[in-house]
Amino acid sequence: MKKLKLWDYHVHTQLCNHARGNVEDYVKQAIKIDLGEIGVSDHFPMLLLPEESHDFAMGINEFPEYLDECKRAKNKYKDEITVKIASEVDFSPSSFSGYRKLVSPYLETLDYIIGSIHIIKIPETETFAIDGPIANEKFNLFGEDRIFIAYYNDLIRMVKNGSDFYNIVGHLDLPKKYGNFLGESEKIWKKIDVLLDLIKVKELVVEINHSGYYKPVGIQYPDDKIIRELVKREIPIVLGSDSHYPKYLAFNFEKTLSKLKRMQFEEKTQVNLCKFSKREKTLIKLDSVI
């Protein structure tokens, strides 16, 4: 059986103001390293999030230009690689209905939407970036359980209320980014179990995000214990580099594939990877991939 080439479904460009390279730069790199597909998934404008977030995404007037750039690359390189057009859309309980309306005109263009959370709130504090430098200060003030549980409560709301909007749950345990707080207490794990069960019921896909390898935590999101729970539940998986530089495309994907094959054997389950087109998923057996 001919094996499928790998694909990377989480890629950012210079339009988000904290990455380097344009769409074509990433597509050329994907061709160079022999990927079968690349999904360009830059941040949707963050104008409905707190003002300090706005600089970490393109402006609302730039989003149509971003889509046009993706379309040009898709057509130009169609004989060499498949280009999927997507976006990472932040979830917060207060802004979700607004984002639904803003994204609605573009749904027919998008192949998938990554749902992620970067901003959380707990009662004693203002909203803050869970992956920003202030995170460790908040952990020290309020404790690991409270921070992770607030984060997972919002992910649960995202999956419960947005399963018809989002396709992929991104970087599932992002608050561990700085490596000081890993979210492994019994209380936190009870929340993770609830979240994973709901993802299964709502038929969403979970990303294994490789950007943690070049962050202080030094490992992928989510951790191995959560990945094993995905395998046990047979929740479909996509691989994403979360590249902010072309050189990080498909970073350490082989390591994750090896891990998934081992867990599939140990748990006696079927691991399915996933591709998307026009927001419809296709399941692909792990053993059919390089």
Protein backbone atom coordinates (compact mmCIF):
# COMPACT_ATOMS: atom_id res chain seq x y z
CA MET A 1 0.00 0.00 0.00
CA LYS A 2 1.34 3.41 -1.00
CA LYS A 3 1.91 5.61 2.04
CA LEU A 4 0.55 9.15 2.23
CA LYS A 5 2.89 12.08 2.67
CA LEU A 6 2.65 14.05 5.90
CA TRP A 7 0.69 17.27 6.25
CA ASP A 8 1.00 20.23 8.62
CA TYR A 9 -2.26 21.98 9.56
CA HIS A 10 -1.09 24.80 11.85
CA VAL A 11 0.97 27.56 10.23
CA HIS A 12 1.21 31.32 10.82
CA THR A 13 2.54 34.11 8.62
CA GLN A 14 3.94 37.58 9.11
CA LEU A 15 0.40 38.98 8.95
CA CYS A 16 -0.12 37.99 12.58
CA ASN A 17 2.68 40.41 13.59
CA HIS A 18 4.61 37.81 15.59
CA ALA A 19 5.76 35.45 12.81
CA ARG A 20 8.04 35.62 9.79
CA GLY A 21 7.43 34.71 6.17
CA ASN A 22 4.47 35.05 3.83
CA VAL A 23 2.14 32.30 2.63
CA GLU A 24 4.31 31.49 -0.36
CA ASP A 25 7.40 31.13 1.85
CA TYR A 26 5.66 28.42 3.86
CA VAL A 27 4.32 26.66 0.79
CA LYS A 28 7.80 26.57 -0.78
CA GLN A 29 9.26 25.15 2.43
CA ALA A 30 6.50 22.52 2.58
CA ILE A 31 7.37 21.44 -0.95
CA LYS A 32 11.07 21.40 -0.08
CA ILE A 33 10.53 18.98 2.83
CA ASP A 34 8.10 16.88 0.76
CA LEU A 35 4.83 17.44 2.60
CA GLY A 36 1.66 16.34 0.85
CA GLU A 37 -0.43 19.21 2.21
CA ILE A 38 -0.01 22.43 4.13
CA GLY A 39 -2.81 24.15 6.00
CA VAL A 40 -2.29 27.89 6.39
CA SER A 41 -4.14 28.86 9.56
CA ASP A 42 -3.24 32.38 10.59
CA HIS A 43 -4.96 34.04 13.57
CA PHE A 44 -8.33 35.57 12.86
CA PRO A 45 -8.35 39.24 13.96
CA MET A 46 -8.50 39.48 17.76
CA LEU A 47 -10.49 42.71 17.91
CA LEU A 48 -13.11 41.19 20.24
CA LEU A 49 -10.49 40.15 22.79
CA PRO A 50 -8.80 42.55 25.26
CA GLU A 51 -6.92 45.36 23.57
CA GLU A 52 -3.49 43.98 24.47
CA SER A 53 -4.27 40.98 22.22
CA HIS A 54 -4.95 43.02 19.09
CA ASP A 55 -1.30 43.26 18.05
CA PHE A 56 -1.00 39.47 17.87
CA ALA A 57 -3.21 39.10 14.82
CA MET A 58 -3.98 40.85 11.55
CA GLY A 59 -6.56 43.62 11.37
CA ILE A 60 -10.08 42.87 10.22
CA ASN A 61 -9.46 44.64 6.90
CA GLU A 62 -6.48 42.38 6.23
CA PHE A 63 -8.34 39.08 6.50
CA PRO A 64 -9.73 39.13 2.93
CA GLU A 65 -6.22 39.92 1.69
CA TYR A 66 -4.90 36.93 3.64
CA LEU A 67 -7.48 34.65 2.02
CA ASP A 68 -6.57 35.99 -1.42
CA GLU A 69 -2.89 35.32 -0.73
CA CYS A 70 -3.74 31.74 0.23
CA LYS A 71 -5.83 31.28 -2.90
CA ARG A 72 -3.00 32.53 -5.13
CA ALA A 73 -0.53 30.10 -3.55
CA LYS A 74 -3.05 27.26 -3.75
CA ASN A 75 -3.46 27.81 -7.48
CA LYS A 76 0.20 28.53 -8.24
CA TYR A 77 1.51 25.36 -6.57
CA LYS A 78 -1.44 23.04 -7.18
CA ASP A 79 0.70 20.59 -9.17
CA GLU A 80 3.24 20.28 -6.34
CA ILE A 81 1.26 20.41 -3.09
CA THR A 82 -2.26 20.79 -1.73
CA VAL A 83 -2.81 24.07 0.10
CA LYS A 84 -5.66 24.24 2.60
CA ILE A 85 -7.03 27.60 3.72
CA ALA A 86 -7.89 27.94 7.39
CA SER A 87 -7.82 30.18 10.44
CA GLU A 88 -7.19 29.91 14.16
CA VAL A 89 -10.10 31.61 15.91
CA ASP A 90 -9.80 32.35 19.61
CA PHE A 91 -12.65 31.42 21.93
CA SER A 92 -13.76 33.33 24.97
CA PRO A 93 -17.25 33.07 26.46
CA SER A 94 -17.93 36.78 26.05
CA SER A 95 -16.83 37.10 22.42
CA PHE A 96 -17.89 33.84 20.81
CA SER A 97 -21.21 35.03 19.36
CA GLY A 98 -19.42 38.04 17.92
CA TYR A 99 -16.78 35.89 16.28
CA ARG A 100 -19.44 33.67 14.75
CA LYS A 101 -20.84 36.73 12.97
CA LEU A 102 -17.45 38.06 11.89
CA VAL A 103 -16.25 34.72 10.48
CA SER A 104 -19.57 33.84 8.83
CA PRO A 105 -18.90 35.59 5.48
CA TYR A 106 -15.71 33.54 5.04
CA LEU A 107 -16.93 30.06 6.00
CA GLU A 108 -17.27 28.89 2.40
CA THR A 109 -13.60 29.71 1.79
CA LEU A 110 -12.22 28.00 4.90
CA ASP A 111 -11.28 24.32 4.93
CA TYR A 112 -11.20 24.19 8.74
CA ILE A 113 -11.16 26.35 11.87
CA ILE A 114 -8.83 25.76 14.80
CA GLY A 115 -10.39 26.70 18.12
CA SER A 116 -7.96 27.84 20.75
CA ILE A 117 -7.78 29.78 23.98
CA HIS A 118 -5.01 32.25 24.78
CA ILE A 119 -6.87 34.58 27.15
CA ILE A 120 -8.61 33.54 30.40
CA LYS A 121 -10.16 35.18 33.42
CA ILE A 122 -10.60 34.16 37.02
CA PRO A 123 -12.75 36.25 39.42
CA GLU A 124 -9.93 37.98 41.30
CA THR A 125 -8.10 39.28 38.25
CA GLU A 126 -8.49 40.90 34.87
CA THR A 127 -8.21 38.79 31.75
CA PHE A 128 -4.66 37.71 30.95
CA ALA A 129 -2.74 35.72 28.36
CA ILE A 130 -2.22 32.17 29.57
CA ASP A 131 0.84 31.88 27.31
CA GLY A 132 2.21 35.34 28.05
CA PRO A 133 5.03 36.35 30.42
CA ILE A 134 2.48 37.31 33.08
CA ALA A 135 1.25 33.71 33.35
CA ASN A 136 3.81 32.58 35.92
CA GLU A 137 2.92 35.53 38.14
CA LYS A 138 -0.75 34.51 37.98
CA PHE A 139 0.12 30.88 38.74
CA ASN A 140 2.05 31.96 41.81
CA LEU A 141 -0.81 34.21 42.96
CA PHE A 142 -3.76 31.90 42.40
CA GLY A 143 -2.34 28.37 42.22
CA GLU A 144 -2.01 25.76 39.52
CA ASP A 145 -5.41 24.14 40.05
CA ARG A 146 -7.37 27.36 39.69
CA ILE A 147 -5.55 28.51 36.55
CA PHE A 148 -5.74 25.20 34.71
CA ILE A 149 -9.34 24.57 35.76
CA ALA A 150 -10.39 28.02 34.51
CA TYR A 151 -8.64 27.27 31.22
CA TYR A 152 -10.26 23.85 30.84
CA ASN A 153 -13.67 25.22 31.82
CA ASP A 154 -13.43 27.61 28.89
CA LEU A 155 -12.33 24.79 26.56
CA ILE A 156 -15.35 22.78 27.73
CA ARG A 157 -17.58 25.77 26.90
CA MET A 158 -15.90 26.06 23.51
CA VAL A 159 -16.53 22.43 22.64
CA LYS A 160 -20.06 22.42 24.05
CA ASN A 161 -21.19 25.62 22.32
CA GLY A 162 -18.98 25.70 19.25
CA SER A 163 -18.84 22.17 17.87
CA ASP A 164 -20.72 23.33 14.75
CA PHE A 165 -18.20 26.13 14.25
CA TYR A 166 -14.79 24.83 15.26
CA ASN A 167 -13.26 21.73 13.67
CA ILE A 168 -10.01 21.28 15.60
CA VAL A 169 -9.17 21.88 19.26
CA GLY A 170 -5.75 23.53 19.31
CA HIS A 171 -2.81 23.15 21.75
CA LEU A 172 -4.90 21.48 24.44
CA ASP A 173 -2.69 22.12 27.50
CA LEU A 174 -1.16 25.47 26.54
CA PRO A 175 -0.83 26.84 30.13
CA LYS A 176 2.18 24.54 30.66
CA LYS A 177 4.20 26.60 28.13
CA TYR A 178 6.83 27.87 30.58
CA GLY A 179 7.45 24.45 32.10
CA ASN A 180 6.90 25.46 35.73
CA PHE A 181 3.27 24.35 36.06
CA LEU A 182 2.19 21.24 34.18
CA GLY A 183 -1.42 20.76 35.29
CA GLU A 184 -1.22 17.17 36.56
CA SER A 185 -3.23 17.28 39.81
CA GLU A 186 -6.23 15.02 40.37
CA LYS A 187 -8.62 18.00 40.25
CA ILE A 188 -7.24 19.13 36.91
CA TRP A 189 -7.40 15.61 35.49
CA LYS A 190 -11.07 15.36 36.34
CA LYS A 191 -11.63 18.40 34.12
CA ILE A 192 -9.49 16.92 31.35
CA ASP A 193 -11.57 13.73 31.41
CA VAL A 194 -14.78 15.76 31.09
CA LEU A 195 -13.28 17.73 28.20
CA LEU A 196 -12.06 14.67 26.30
CA ASP A 197 -15.36 12.85 26.73
CA LEU A 198 -17.17 15.90 25.34
CA ILE A 199 -14.77 16.18 22.39
CA LYS A 200 -15.55 12.56 21.59
CA VAL A 201 -19.31 13.12 21.76
CA LYS A 202 -19.14 16.30 19.67
CA GLU A 203 -16.93 14.55 17.09
CA LEU A 204 -14.22 17.20 17.07
CA VAL A 205 -10.56 16.65 16.25
CA VAL A 206 -7.60 17.35 18.57
CA GLU A 207 -4.34 18.84 17.42
CA ILE A 208 -0.98 17.56 18.58
CA ASN A 209 0.87 20.86 18.51
CA HIS A 210 4.64 20.75 18.21
CA SER A 211 5.50 24.34 19.11
CA GLY A 212 6.12 23.30 22.72
CA TYR A 213 9.34 21.64 21.59
CA TYR A 214 10.90 25.06 21.02
CA LYS A 215 9.30 26.70 24.06
CA PRO A 216 10.54 26.40 27.68
CA VAL A 217 8.36 23.34 28.40
CA GLY A 218 10.30 21.41 25.75
CA ILE A 219 7.54 19.00 24.66
CA GLN A 220 4.44 18.92 22.52
CA TYR A 221 0.92 20.01 23.49
CA PRO A 222 -0.80 18.00 24.88
CA ASP A 223 1.46 15.81 27.00
CA ASP A 224 1.85 12.06 26.52
CA LYS A 225 -0.73 11.17 29.16
CA ILE A 226 -3.42 13.17 27.37
CA ILE A 227 -2.36 11.77 23.99
CA ARG A 228 -2.81 8.27 25.38
CA GLU A 229 -6.34 9.22 26.44
CA LEU A 230 -7.03 10.44 22.89
CA VAL A 231 -5.81 7.10 21.59
CA LYS A 232 -7.97 5.15 24.06
CA ARG A 233 -11.06 7.13 23.03
CA GLU A 234 -10.16 6.94 19.31
CA ILE A 235 -10.48 10.71 18.98
CA PRO A 236 -9.14 11.82 15.57
CA ILE A 237 -5.86 13.73 15.55
CA VAL A 238 -4.14 16.30 13.36
CA LEU A 239 -0.48 17.26 13.54
CA GLY A 240 0.42 20.95 13.63
CA SER A 241 3.78 22.64 13.96
CA ASP A 242 2.24 26.00 14.92
CA SER A 243 5.11 27.36 12.85
CA HIS A 244 5.89 31.05 13.13
CA TYR A 245 8.99 30.54 10.97
CA PRO A 246 9.07 28.36 7.83
CA LYS A 247 11.99 26.31 9.21
CA TYR A 248 9.72 24.80 11.89
CA LEU A 249 7.28 23.18 9.46
CA ALA A 250 6.52 19.56 10.47
CA PHE A 251 8.98 19.88 13.37
CA ASN A 252 9.37 16.53 15.17
CA PHE A 253 6.37 14.99 13.41
CA GLU A 254 8.20 11.68 13.04
CA LYS A 255 8.65 11.50 16.81
CA THR A 256 4.89 11.91 17.33
CA LEU A 257 3.99 9.36 14.66
CA SER A 258 6.27 6.82 16.34
CA LYS A 259 4.65 7.58 19.69
CA LEU A 260 1.14 7.19 18.26
CA LYS A 261 2.00 3.87 16.61
CA ARG A 262 3.32 2.54 19.90
CA MET A 263 0.25 3.69 21.84
CA GLN A 264 -2.07 2.28 19.17
CA PHE A 265 -0.43 -1.12 19.60
CA GLU A 266 -0.44 -0.97 23.40
CA GLU A 267 -4.07 0.17 23.67
CA LYS A 268 -5.30 -2.09 20.84
CA THR A 269 -7.18 0.78 19.20
CA GLN A 270 -7.26 2.49 15.82
CA VAL A 271 -5.59 5.89 15.62
CA ASN A 272 -7.03 8.06 12.89
CA LEU A 273 -5.34 11.16 11.59
CA CYS A 274 -7.50 13.69 9.83
CA LYS A 275 -7.67 15.93 6.79
CA PHE A 276 -10.22 18.64 6.06
CA SER A 277 -11.77 20.11 2.94
CA LYS A 278 -14.52 22.72 3.09
CA ARG A 279 -14.85 21.91 6.81
CA GLU A 280 -15.62 18.24 6.18
CA LYS A 281 -13.19 15.79 7.75
CA THR A 282 -11.71 12.67 6.24
CA LEU A 283 -10.27 10.07 8.61
CA ILE A 284 -6.97 8.48 7.61
CA LYS A 285 -5.61 5.41 9.37
CA LEU A 286 -2.28 6.03 11.04
CA ASP A 287 -0.69 3.03 9.35
CA SER A 288 -1.35 4.51 5.92
CA VAL A 289 0.88 7.52 6.59
CA ILE A 290 4.65 7.68 6.07
